[in-house]
Amino acid sequence: MSSKEPRGLGRGLGALLGDNVNIDSFRKPVGYVNKEVAGVRPSQDSSDVLRIPLEKVEANPWQPRIGFDQDALEELAASIRTLGLIQPITVRKVAGGRYQIISGERRFKACQLAGMSMIPAYVRDANDQGMLEMAIVENIQRENLDPIETALSFQRLIDECNLTQEAMADRVGKKRASVANTLRLLKLPVKVQHDLKVGLLSTGHAKVLLSLPDSDTQEQFCDLVIKEGLSVRELEEAVRRFLKGGAPAKRRETKPSELPEEYTKVLSHIGKFFSEDISVHRNASGKGTLTVKFSSDEEVRAFLSALEKANV
């Protein structure tokens, strides 16, 4: 038998299911049909998964996450339509027979997109401080916040729950030094915080920028990182030179002769389609940016047409 032939399921599963079985056909949506709608029964166990009308559920006002990726929500919604919600959300009961999300707002939003009328949920008792703590700690432990959202979450735990850094570190399961370093990110200028938040520079870069004496200089070096694609080590060296001699951060000009031959060919090929300048900035490690400017939609269409004809 050729090694390139498709493999079956193995003798055990193959005998039971057949090699061409469609596994997805065995999967059914999770409905939690064994539980009544929350609030119908006079008492309930906190481990029960109850079905709650989606219209009676509201967002957590202390939700630390600022934004949700729409494409990821659509993917989750598609999965929920097929298989149901595998992991229930957690809520607390509030006035007017409504429920407030403690954790699981992303799953809640995806269920809305999926067109569900009911959602499975655990119902827990929690006061406002407990809500804030559980929402923040749950998100931090999932490690799905960006560095600035994490820092803001730490600060809220300290300010609104009257916690020390040490007590807060215990709550989130982090070392006190790690918490302190994260909180220091909030001392950076707003522009630098934004670039860190959207991933234009790393937390390592940000920590190096904190060693600079003022916000203007921090912003200058932040721009340098983005334009030159500096690694953390390269930034450390640039900052070390600056602090030693006081020279301002300057963008290093990349001479055409410094570019490898293939870069020149790329510029030549792409330049045929655009009337505006095309530029490449590349650092010694090979990281950089390619900037293409265009003067009309027709230029972009012509470029796309050429790519399609070449089957690129």
C-alpha atoms as a PDB file:
ATOM      1  CA  MET A   1       0.000   0.000   0.000  1.00  0.00           C
ATOM      2  CA  SER A   2       1.318   3.426  -0.888  1.00  0.00           C
ATOM      3  CA  SER A   3       2.168   5.692   2.040  1.00  0.00           C
ATOM      4  CA  LYS A   4       0.235   8.477   0.287  1.00  0.00           C
ATOM      5  CA  GLU A   5      -3.094   6.650   0.505  1.00  0.00           C
ATOM      6  CA  PRO A   6      -5.474   8.094   3.131  1.00  0.00           C
ATOM      7  CA  ARG A   7      -5.454   6.341   6.444  1.00  0.00           C
ATOM      8  CA  GLY A   8      -8.612   4.957   7.993  1.00  0.00           C
ATOM      9  CA  LEU A   9      -9.846   5.269  11.544  1.00  0.00           C
ATOM     10  CA  GLY A  10      -7.970   2.217  12.783  1.00  0.00           C
ATOM     11  CA  ARG A  11      -9.287  -1.296  13.151  1.00  0.00           C
ATOM     12  CA  GLY A  12     -11.402  -0.572  16.207  1.00  0.00           C
ATOM     13  CA  LEU A  13     -13.199   2.617  15.154  1.00  0.00           C
ATOM     14  CA  GLY A  14     -13.122   1.658  11.490  1.00  0.00           C
ATOM     15  CA  ALA A  15     -15.016  -1.547  12.219  1.00  0.00           C
ATOM     16  CA  LEU A  16     -17.618   0.287  14.272  1.00  0.00           C
ATOM     17  CA  LEU A  17     -18.124   3.430  12.190  1.00  0.00           C
ATOM     18  CA  GLY A  18     -16.656   2.756   8.777  1.00  0.00           C
ATOM     19  CA  ASP A  19     -13.789   4.657   7.170  1.00  0.00           C
ATOM     20  CA  ASN A  20     -16.021   7.217   5.415  1.00  0.00           C
ATOM     21  CA  VAL A  21     -18.157   8.137   8.385  1.00  0.00           C
ATOM     22  CA  ASN A  22     -19.132  11.801   8.845  1.00  0.00           C
ATOM     23  CA  ILE A  23     -18.306  12.372  12.503  1.00  0.00           C
ATOM     24  CA  ASP A  24     -20.124  15.745  12.549  1.00  0.00           C
ATOM     25  CA  SER A  25     -23.415  13.941  11.929  1.00  0.00           C
ATOM     26  CA  PHE A  26     -23.151  12.427  15.412  1.00  0.00           C
ATOM     27  CA  ARG A  27     -22.860  15.825  17.095  1.00  0.00           C
ATOM     28  CA  LYS A  28     -26.025  17.421  18.437  1.00  0.00           C
ATOM     29  CA  PRO A  29     -26.571  20.906  19.860  1.00  0.00           C
ATOM     30  CA  VAL A  30     -26.221  21.222  23.621  1.00  0.00           C
ATOM     31  CA  GLY A  31     -29.640  22.211  24.927  1.00  0.00           C
ATOM     32  CA  TYR A  32     -29.573  21.576  28.690  1.00  0.00           C
ATOM     33  CA  VAL A  33     -33.170  20.431  28.373  1.00  0.00           C
ATOM     34  CA  ASN A  34     -33.072  18.795  31.791  1.00  0.00           C
ATOM     35  CA  LYS A  35     -33.402  22.148  33.575  1.00  0.00           C
ATOM     36  CA  GLU A  36     -36.315  24.521  33.784  1.00  0.00           C
ATOM     37  CA  VAL A  37     -36.064  28.239  33.113  1.00  0.00           C
ATOM     38  CA  ALA A  38     -34.317  29.983  35.995  1.00  0.00           C
ATOM     39  CA  GLY A  39     -36.689  31.342  38.594  1.00  0.00           C
ATOM     40  CA  VAL A  40     -39.450  28.775  38.143  1.00  0.00           C
ATOM     41  CA  ARG A  41     -38.310  26.526  40.963  1.00  0.00           C
ATOM     42  CA  PRO A  42     -38.326  27.858  44.536  1.00  0.00           C
ATOM     43  CA  SER A  43     -34.732  26.732  45.163  1.00  0.00           C
ATOM     44  CA  GLN A  44     -31.790  25.640  43.094  1.00  0.00           C
ATOM     45  CA  ASP A  45     -28.289  24.353  43.507  1.00  0.00           C
ATOM     46  CA  SER A  46     -25.476  26.659  42.392  1.00  0.00           C
ATOM     47  CA  SER A  47     -24.076  23.821  40.263  1.00  0.00           C
ATOM     48  CA  ASP A  48     -27.306  23.581  38.228  1.00  0.00           C
ATOM     49  CA  VAL A  49     -27.247  24.744  34.621  1.00  0.00           C
ATOM     50  CA  LEU A  50     -30.471  26.665  34.038  1.00  0.00           C
ATOM     51  CA  ARG A  51     -31.975  27.960  30.811  1.00  0.00           C
ATOM     52  CA  ILE A  52     -32.605  31.722  30.897  1.00  0.00           C
ATOM     53  CA  PRO A  53     -34.387  33.876  28.281  1.00  0.00           C
ATOM     54  CA  LEU A  54     -31.685  35.771  26.406  1.00  0.00           C
ATOM     55  CA  GLU A  55     -33.763  38.956  26.581  1.00  0.00           C
ATOM     56  CA  LYS A  56     -33.567  38.901  30.388  1.00  0.00           C
ATOM     57  CA  VAL A  57     -29.743  38.858  30.414  1.00  0.00           C
ATOM     58  CA  GLU A  58     -27.754  42.097  30.495  1.00  0.00           C
ATOM     59  CA  ALA A  59     -24.059  42.890  30.176  1.00  0.00           C
ATOM     60  CA  ASN A  60     -21.692  43.186  33.106  1.00  0.00           C
ATOM     61  CA  PRO A  61     -21.164  46.921  33.809  1.00  0.00           C
ATOM     62  CA  TRP A  62     -17.724  46.064  35.209  1.00  0.00           C
ATOM     63  CA  GLN A  63     -16.606  44.156  32.114  1.00  0.00           C
ATOM     64  CA  PRO A  64     -12.870  44.936  31.791  1.00  0.00           C
ATOM     65  CA  ARG A  65     -12.640  43.967  28.133  1.00  0.00           C
ATOM     66  CA  ILE A  66     -13.211  47.014  25.929  1.00  0.00           C
ATOM     67  CA  GLY A  67     -13.571  45.414  22.505  1.00  0.00           C
ATOM     68  CA  PHE A  68     -14.618  42.061  21.027  1.00  0.00           C
ATOM     69  CA  ASP A  69     -13.265  40.740  17.719  1.00  0.00           C
ATOM     70  CA  GLN A  70     -16.252  40.585  15.355  1.00  0.00           C
ATOM     71  CA  ASP A  71     -14.830  37.807  13.150  1.00  0.00           C
ATOM     72  CA  ALA A  72     -14.152  35.637  16.202  1.00  0.00           C
ATOM     73  CA  LEU A  73     -17.709  36.293  17.456  1.00  0.00           C
ATOM     74  CA  GLU A  74     -19.130  35.223  14.080  1.00  0.00           C
ATOM     75  CA  GLU A  75     -17.083  32.004  14.176  1.00  0.00           C
ATOM     76  CA  LEU A  76     -18.299  31.225  17.692  1.00  0.00           C
ATOM     77  CA  ALA A  77     -21.895  31.999  16.673  1.00  0.00           C
ATOM     78  CA  ALA A  78     -21.610  29.545  13.766  1.00  0.00           C
ATOM     79  CA  SER A  79     -20.358  26.857  16.153  1.00  0.00           C
ATOM     80  CA  ILE A  80     -23.214  27.570  18.586  1.00  0.00           C
ATOM     81  CA  ARG A  81     -25.792  27.216  15.800  1.00  0.00           C
ATOM     82  CA  THR A  82     -24.428  23.743  15.085  1.00  0.00           C
ATOM     83  CA  LEU A  83     -23.490  22.392  18.508  1.00  0.00           C
ATOM     84  CA  GLY A  84     -25.128  24.718  21.020  1.00  0.00           C
ATOM     85  CA  LEU A  85     -23.281  26.565  23.778  1.00  0.00           C
ATOM     86  CA  ILE A  86     -20.890  24.040  25.334  1.00  0.00           C
ATOM     87  CA  GLN A  87     -19.779  26.205  28.269  1.00  0.00           C
ATOM     88  CA  PRO A  88     -22.624  28.009  30.085  1.00  0.00           C
ATOM     89  CA  ILE A  89     -22.239  31.632  31.142  1.00  0.00           C
ATOM     90  CA  THR A  90     -22.341  32.692  34.808  1.00  0.00           C
ATOM     91  CA  VAL A  91     -24.877  35.294  35.970  1.00  0.00           C
ATOM     92  CA  ARG A  92     -26.381  36.842  39.098  1.00  0.00           C
ATOM     93  CA  LYS A  93     -30.017  37.746  39.613  1.00  0.00           C
ATOM     94  CA  VAL A  94     -30.840  41.464  39.788  1.00  0.00           C
ATOM     95  CA  ALA A  95     -34.023  43.518  40.178  1.00  0.00           C
ATOM     96  CA  GLY A  96     -36.982  43.056  37.848  1.00  0.00           C
ATOM     97  CA  GLY A  97     -36.425  39.364  37.254  1.00  0.00           C
ATOM     98  CA  ARG A  98     -33.352  40.071  35.153  1.00  0.00           C
ATOM     99  CA  TYR A  99     -29.871  38.549  35.173  1.00  0.00           C
ATOM    100  CA  GLN A 100     -26.470  40.224  34.934  1.00  0.00           C
ATOM    101  CA  ILE A 101     -23.443  38.516  33.441  1.00  0.00           C
ATOM    102  CA  ILE A 102     -20.596  37.706  35.810  1.00  0.00           C
ATOM    103  CA  SER A 103     -18.495  35.937  33.183  1.00  0.00           C
ATOM    104  CA  GLY A 104     -19.088  34.872  29.608  1.00  0.00           C
ATOM    105  CA  GLU A 105     -20.024  38.108  27.839  1.00  0.00           C
ATOM    106  CA  ARG A 106     -18.308  36.967  24.626  1.00  0.00           C
ATOM    107  CA  ARG A 107     -20.368  33.762  24.649  1.00  0.00           C
ATOM    108  CA  PHE A 108     -23.497  35.826  25.361  1.00  0.00           C
ATOM    109  CA  LYS A 109     -22.850  38.095  22.364  1.00  0.00           C
ATOM    110  CA  ALA A 110     -22.219  35.082  20.138  1.00  0.00           C
ATOM    111  CA  CYS A 111     -25.526  33.540  21.263  1.00  0.00           C
ATOM    112  CA  GLN A 112     -27.259  36.775  20.265  1.00  0.00           C
ATOM    113  CA  LEU A 113     -25.660  36.567  16.826  1.00  0.00           C
ATOM    114  CA  ALA A 114     -26.693  32.916  16.571  1.00  0.00           C
ATOM    115  CA  GLY A 115     -30.334  33.908  17.142  1.00  0.00           C
ATOM    116  CA  MET A 116     -30.806  31.913  20.355  1.00  0.00           C
ATOM    117  CA  SER A 117     -33.801  32.725  22.542  1.00  0.00           C
ATOM    118  CA  MET A 118     -32.538  30.872  25.632  1.00  0.00           C
ATOM    119  CA  ILE A 119     -29.041  30.577  27.074  1.00  0.00           C
ATOM    120  CA  PRO A 120     -27.645  28.058  29.603  1.00  0.00           C
ATOM    121  CA  ALA A 121     -26.242  29.699  32.727  1.00  0.00           C
ATOM    122  CA  TYR A 122     -25.026  29.152  36.263  1.00  0.00           C
ATOM    123  CA  VAL A 123     -26.741  31.532  38.722  1.00  0.00           C
ATOM    124  CA  ARG A 124     -24.583  32.775  41.586  1.00  0.00           C
ATOM    125  CA  ASP A 125     -24.997  35.219  44.451  1.00  0.00           C
ATOM    126  CA  ALA A 126     -22.644  38.186  44.129  1.00  0.00           C
ATOM    127  CA  ASN A 127     -22.561  41.807  45.288  1.00  0.00           C
ATOM    128  CA  ASP A 128     -21.130  44.633  43.188  1.00  0.00           C
ATOM    129  CA  GLN A 129     -17.585  44.192  44.470  1.00  0.00           C
ATOM    130  CA  GLY A 130     -17.797  40.452  43.926  1.00  0.00           C
ATOM    131  CA  MET A 131     -19.029  41.082  40.373  1.00  0.00           C
ATOM    132  CA  LEU A 132     -16.096  43.347  39.636  1.00  0.00           C
ATOM    133  CA  GLU A 133     -13.562  40.965  41.137  1.00  0.00           C
ATOM    134  CA  MET A 134     -14.931  37.870  39.414  1.00  0.00           C
ATOM    135  CA  ALA A 135     -15.222  39.553  36.009  1.00  0.00           C
ATOM    136  CA  ILE A 136     -11.699  40.952  36.099  1.00  0.00           C
ATOM    137  CA  VAL A 137     -10.044  37.877  37.564  1.00  0.00           C
ATOM    138  CA  GLU A 138     -11.837  35.572  35.115  1.00  0.00           C
ATOM    139  CA  ASN A 139     -10.651  37.594  32.136  1.00  0.00           C
ATOM    140  CA  ILE A 140      -7.105  37.962  33.439  1.00  0.00           C
ATOM    141  CA  GLN A 141      -6.809  34.243  34.090  1.00  0.00           C
ATOM    142  CA  ARG A 142      -7.959  33.546  30.545  1.00  0.00           C
ATOM    143  CA  GLU A 143      -5.125  35.843  29.372  1.00  0.00           C
ATOM    144  CA  ASN A 144      -7.335  37.414  26.710  1.00  0.00           C
ATOM    145  CA  LEU A 145      -6.838  41.068  27.621  1.00  0.00           C
ATOM    146  CA  ASP A 146      -4.283  43.282  25.922  1.00  0.00           C
ATOM    147  CA  PRO A 147      -1.539  44.732  28.192  1.00  0.00           C
ATOM    148  CA  ILE A 148      -3.315  48.053  28.739  1.00  0.00           C
ATOM    149  CA  GLU A 149      -6.667  46.395  29.504  1.00  0.00           C
ATOM    150  CA  THR A 150      -4.842  44.182  32.002  1.00  0.00           C
ATOM    151  CA  ALA A 151      -3.183  47.188  33.636  1.00  0.00           C
ATOM    152  CA  LEU A 152      -6.493  49.052  33.834  1.00  0.00           C
ATOM    153  CA  SER A 153      -8.107  45.960  35.341  1.00  0.00           C
ATOM    154  CA  PHE A 154      -5.401  45.743  37.999  1.00  0.00           C
ATOM    155  CA  GLN A 155      -5.877  49.425  38.815  1.00  0.00           C
ATOM    156  CA  ARG A 156      -9.652  49.003  39.126  1.00  0.00           C
ATOM    157  CA  LEU A 157      -9.212  46.115  41.536  1.00  0.00           C
ATOM    158  CA  ILE A 158      -6.949  48.298  43.670  1.00  0.00           C
ATOM    159  CA  ASP A 159      -9.102  51.438  43.521  1.00  0.00           C
ATOM    160  CA  GLU A 160     -12.646  50.048  43.601  1.00  0.00           C
ATOM    161  CA  CYS A 161     -12.064  47.026  45.837  1.00  0.00           C
ATOM    162  CA  ASN A 162      -9.627  48.783  48.183  1.00  0.00           C
ATOM    163  CA  LEU A 163      -6.904  46.204  47.652  1.00  0.00           C
ATOM    164  CA  THR A 164      -3.159  46.567  48.086  1.00  0.00           C
ATOM    165  CA  GLN A 165      -0.892  45.455  45.243  1.00  0.00           C
ATOM    166  CA  GLU A 166       0.032  42.382  47.274  1.00  0.00           C
ATOM    167  CA  ALA A 167      -3.601  41.434  47.977  1.00  0.00           C
ATOM    168  CA  MET A 168      -4.538  42.058  44.361  1.00  0.00           C
ATOM    169  CA  ALA A 169      -1.641  39.905  43.146  1.00  0.00           C
ATOM    170  CA  ASP A 170      -2.987  37.062  45.300  1.00  0.00           C
ATOM    171  CA  ARG A 171      -6.462  37.511  43.784  1.00  0.00           C
ATOM    172  CA  VAL A 172      -5.221  37.174  40.197  1.00  0.00           C
ATOM    173  CA  GLY A 173      -2.522  34.588  40.871  1.00  0.00           C
ATOM    174  CA  LYS A 174       0.361  36.794  39.753  1.00  0.00           C
ATOM    175  CA  LYS A 175       3.651  37.726  41.385  1.00  0.00           C
ATOM    176  CA  ARG A 176       3.671  41.159  43.002  1.00  0.00           C
ATOM    177  CA  ALA A 177       6.598  42.259  40.799  1.00  0.00           C
ATOM    178  CA  SER A 178       4.658  41.275  37.680  1.00  0.00           C
ATOM    179  CA  VAL A 179       1.643  43.266  38.866  1.00  0.00           C
ATOM    180  CA  ALA A 180       3.808  46.312  39.625  1.00  0.00           C
ATOM    181  CA  ASN A 181       5.444  46.184  36.181  1.00  0.00           C
ATOM    182  CA  THR A 182       2.056  45.908  34.483  1.00  0.00           C
ATOM    183  CA  LEU A 183       0.670  48.883  36.426  1.00  0.00           C
ATOM    184  CA  ARG A 184       3.679  50.974  35.354  1.00  0.00           C
ATOM    185  CA  LEU A 185       2.434  50.755  31.741  1.00  0.00           C
ATOM    186  CA  LEU A 186      -0.289  53.263  32.697  1.00  0.00           C
ATOM    187  CA  LYS A 187       2.451  55.866  33.217  1.00  0.00           C
ATOM    188  CA  LEU A 188       3.223  55.852  29.484  1.00  0.00           C
ATOM    189  CA  PRO A 189       1.780  58.595  27.231  1.00  0.00           C
ATOM    190  CA  VAL A 190      -1.639  57.884  25.735  1.00  0.00           C
ATOM    191  CA  LYS A 191      -0.151  57.559  22.241  1.00  0.00           C
ATOM    192  CA  VAL A 192       2.311  54.890  23.394  1.00  0.00           C
ATOM    193  CA  GLN A 193      -0.440  53.081  25.321  1.00  0.00           C
ATOM    194  CA  HIS A 194      -2.507  53.008  22.129  1.00  0.00           C
ATOM    195  CA  ASP A 195       0.383  51.561  20.075  1.00  0.00           C
ATOM    196  CA  LEU A 196       0.930  48.903  22.738  1.00  0.00           C
ATOM    197  CA  LYS A 197      -2.777  48.108  22.842  1.00  0.00           C
ATOM    198  CA  VAL A 198      -3.060  47.531  19.083  1.00  0.00           C
ATOM    199  CA  GLY A 199       0.158  45.514  18.918  1.00  0.00           C
ATOM    200  CA  LEU A 200       2.484  47.983  17.191  1.00  0.00           C
ATOM    201  CA  LEU A 201       4.999  47.399  19.969  1.00  0.00           C
ATOM    202  CA  SER A 202       5.392  44.731  22.635  1.00  0.00           C
ATOM    203  CA  THR A 203       5.281  44.892  26.408  1.00  0.00           C
ATOM    204  CA  GLY A 204       9.055  44.423  26.320  1.00  0.00           C
ATOM    205  CA  HIS A 205       9.400  47.572  24.211  1.00  0.00           C
ATOM    206  CA  ALA A 206       7.088  49.459  26.572  1.00  0.00           C
ATOM    207  CA  LYS A 207       9.149  48.532  29.627  1.00  0.00           C
ATOM    208  CA  VAL A 208      12.259  49.908  27.923  1.00  0.00           C
ATOM    209  CA  LEU A 209      10.430  53.153  27.069  1.00  0.00           C
ATOM    210  CA  LEU A 210       9.596  53.584  30.757  1.00  0.00           C
ATOM    211  CA  SER A 211      13.305  54.151  31.443  1.00  0.00           C
ATOM    212  CA  LEU A 212      13.221  57.373  29.380  1.00  0.00           C
ATOM    213  CA  PRO A 213      12.912  60.681  31.257  1.00  0.00           C
ATOM    214  CA  ASP A 214       9.774  62.258  29.718  1.00  0.00           C
ATOM    215  CA  SER A 215       6.722  61.559  27.571  1.00  0.00           C
ATOM    216  CA  ASP A 216       8.009  63.389  24.477  1.00  0.00           C
ATOM    217  CA  THR A 217      11.140  61.252  24.368  1.00  0.00           C
ATOM    218  CA  GLN A 218       9.100  58.107  24.989  1.00  0.00           C
ATOM    219  CA  GLU A 219       6.894  58.985  22.012  1.00  0.00           C
ATOM    220  CA  GLN A 220       9.959  59.643  19.833  1.00  0.00           C
ATOM    221  CA  PHE A 221      11.438  56.260  20.592  1.00  0.00           C
ATOM    222  CA  CYS A 222       8.025  54.613  20.177  1.00  0.00           C
ATOM    223  CA  ASP A 223       7.874  56.034  16.635  1.00  0.00           C
ATOM    224  CA  LEU A 224      11.400  54.773  16.028  1.00  0.00           C
ATOM    225  CA  VAL A 225      10.408  51.223  17.031  1.00  0.00           C
ATOM    226  CA  ILE A 226       7.444  51.231  14.644  1.00  0.00           C
ATOM    227  CA  LYS A 227       9.232  52.831  11.673  1.00  0.00           C
ATOM    228  CA  GLU A 228      12.404  50.783  11.966  1.00  0.00           C
ATOM    229  CA  GLY A 229      10.945  47.537  13.290  1.00  0.00           C
ATOM    230  CA  LEU A 230      13.407  47.556  16.181  1.00  0.00           C
ATOM    231  CA  SER A 231      13.642  44.511  18.403  1.00  0.00           C
ATOM    232  CA  VAL A 232      13.585  44.980  22.177  1.00  0.00           C
ATOM    233  CA  ARG A 233      17.356  44.498  22.279  1.00  0.00           C
ATOM    234  CA  GLU A 234      17.894  47.096  19.538  1.00  0.00           C
ATOM    235  CA  LEU A 235      15.665  49.538  21.394  1.00  0.00           C
ATOM    236  CA  GLU A 236      17.595  48.933  24.613  1.00  0.00           C
ATOM    237  CA  GLU A 237      20.829  49.786  22.814  1.00  0.00           C
ATOM    238  CA  ALA A 238      19.341  52.951  21.258  1.00  0.00           C
ATOM    239  CA  VAL A 239      18.013  54.088  24.654  1.00  0.00           C
ATOM    240  CA  ARG A 240      21.359  53.293  26.292  1.00  0.00           C
ATOM    241  CA  ARG A 241      23.167  55.480  23.748  1.00  0.00           C
ATOM    242  CA  PHE A 242      20.644  58.267  24.245  1.00  0.00           C
ATOM    243  CA  LEU A 243      20.879  58.221  28.044  1.00  0.00           C
ATOM    244  CA  LYS A 244      24.649  58.194  27.849  1.00  0.00           C
ATOM    245  CA  GLY A 245      25.072  61.026  25.343  1.00  0.00           C
ATOM    246  CA  GLY A 246      21.735  62.800  25.307  1.00  0.00           C
ATOM    247  CA  ALA A 247      21.363  62.482  21.526  1.00  0.00           C
ATOM    248  CA  PRO A 248      17.717  62.642  20.382  1.00  0.00           C
ATOM    249  CA  ALA A 249      16.106  59.606  18.835  1.00  0.00           C
ATOM    250  CA  LYS A 250      16.381  59.804  15.067  1.00  0.00           C
ATOM    251  CA  ARG A 251      15.065  57.612  12.350  1.00  0.00           C
ATOM    252  CA  ARG A 252      17.832  55.730  10.621  1.00  0.00           C
ATOM    253  CA  GLU A 253      17.771  56.296   6.877  1.00  0.00           C
ATOM    254  CA  THR A 254      17.981  53.093   4.890  1.00  0.00           C
ATOM    255  CA  LYS A 255      20.160  53.572   1.849  1.00  0.00           C
ATOM    256  CA  PRO A 256      19.097  51.798  -1.354  1.00  0.00           C
ATOM    257  CA  SER A 257      22.473  50.082  -1.496  1.00  0.00           C
ATOM    258  CA  GLU A 258      21.820  48.461   1.874  1.00  0.00           C
ATOM    259  CA  LEU A 259      18.772  46.603   0.594  1.00  0.00           C
ATOM    260  CA  PRO A 260      19.240  43.042  -0.669  1.00  0.00           C
ATOM    261  CA  GLU A 261      18.728  42.590  -4.415  1.00  0.00           C
ATOM    262  CA  GLU A 262      15.323  40.937  -4.047  1.00  0.00           C
ATOM    263  CA  TYR A 263      13.951  44.068  -2.345  1.00  0.00           C
ATOM    264  CA  THR A 264      14.988  46.182  -5.319  1.00  0.00           C
ATOM    265  CA  LYS A 265      13.211  43.741  -7.646  1.00  0.00           C
ATOM    266  CA  VAL A 266      10.034  43.919  -5.554  1.00  0.00           C
ATOM    267  CA  LEU A 267      10.057  47.725  -5.708  1.00  0.00           C
ATOM    268  CA  SER A 268      10.639  47.629  -9.447  1.00  0.00           C
ATOM    269  CA  HIS A 269       7.780  45.213 -10.132  1.00  0.00           C
ATOM    270  CA  ILE A 270       5.226  46.919  -7.895  1.00  0.00           C
ATOM    271  CA  GLY A 271       6.291  50.402  -9.028  1.00  0.00           C
ATOM    272  CA  LYS A 272       5.018  49.686 -12.533  1.00  0.00           C
ATOM    273  CA  PHE A 273       1.439  49.874 -11.288  1.00  0.00           C
ATOM    274  CA  PHE A 274       1.557  52.948  -9.057  1.00  0.00           C
ATOM    275  CA  SER A 275       2.367  56.573  -9.791  1.00  0.00           C
ATOM    276  CA  GLU A 276       3.133  57.435  -6.162  1.00  0.00           C
ATOM    277  CA  ASP A 277       6.312  56.573  -4.248  1.00  0.00           C
ATOM    278  CA  ILE A 278       6.892  53.104  -2.834  1.00  0.00           C
ATOM    279  CA  SER A 279       9.266  52.766   0.110  1.00  0.00           C
ATOM    280  CA  VAL A 280      10.911  50.007   2.122  1.00  0.00           C
ATOM    281  CA  HIS A 281      12.358  50.351   5.600  1.00  0.00           C
ATOM    282  CA  ARG A 282      14.349  47.350   6.810  1.00  0.00           C
ATOM    283  CA  ASN A 283      16.494  46.812   9.886  1.00  0.00           C
ATOM    284  CA  ALA A 284      19.558  44.631  10.215  1.00  0.00           C
ATOM    285  CA  SER A 285      17.537  41.624  11.379  1.00  0.00           C
ATOM    286  CA  GLY A 286      15.305  41.697   8.298  1.00  0.00           C
ATOM    287  CA  LYS A 287      12.217  43.227   9.901  1.00  0.00           C
ATOM    288  CA  GLY A 288      10.606  46.256   8.359  1.00  0.00           C
ATOM    289  CA  THR A 289       7.717  47.796   6.442  1.00  0.00           C
ATOM    290  CA  LEU A 290       6.759  48.108   2.787  1.00  0.00           C
ATOM    291  CA  THR A 291       4.659  51.221   2.064  1.00  0.00           C
ATOM    292  CA  VAL A 292       2.655  51.516  -1.168  1.00  0.00           C
ATOM    293  CA  LYS A 293       0.923  54.810  -1.973  1.00  0.00           C
ATOM    294  CA  PHE A 294      -1.667  55.073  -4.728  1.00  0.00           C
ATOM    295  CA  SER A 295      -3.455  57.963  -6.431  1.00  0.00           C
ATOM    296  CA  SER A 296      -6.660  56.223  -7.573  1.00  0.00           C
ATOM    297  CA  ASP A 297      -8.798  53.104  -7.273  1.00  0.00           C
ATOM    298  CA  GLU A 298      -7.862  52.273 -10.882  1.00  0.00           C
ATOM    299  CA  GLU A 299      -4.237  51.731  -9.873  1.00  0.00           C
ATOM    300  CA  VAL A 300      -5.265  49.255  -7.189  1.00  0.00           C
ATOM    301  CA  ARG A 301      -7.595  47.452  -9.612  1.00  0.00           C
ATOM    302  CA  ALA A 302      -4.834  47.200 -12.207  1.00  0.00           C
ATOM    303  CA  PHE A 303      -2.468  45.757  -9.602  1.00  0.00           C
ATOM    304  CA  LEU A 304      -5.094  43.246  -8.446  1.00  0.00           C
ATOM    305  CA  SER A 305      -5.793  42.231 -12.039  1.00  0.00           C
ATOM    306  CA  ALA A 306      -2.089  41.565 -12.625  1.00  0.00           C
ATOM    307  CA  LEU A 307      -1.924  39.398  -9.486  1.00  0.00           C
ATOM    308  CA  GLU A 308      -4.979  37.412 -10.542  1.00  0.00           C
ATOM    309  CA  LYS A 309      -3.616  36.837 -14.066  1.00  0.00           C
ATOM    310  CA  ALA A 310      -0.369  35.598 -12.545  1.00  0.00           C
ATOM    311  CA  ASN A 311      -2.406  33.361 -10.215  1.00  0.00           C
ATOM    312  CA  VAL A 312      -0.687  34.872  -7.162  1.00  0.00           C
END
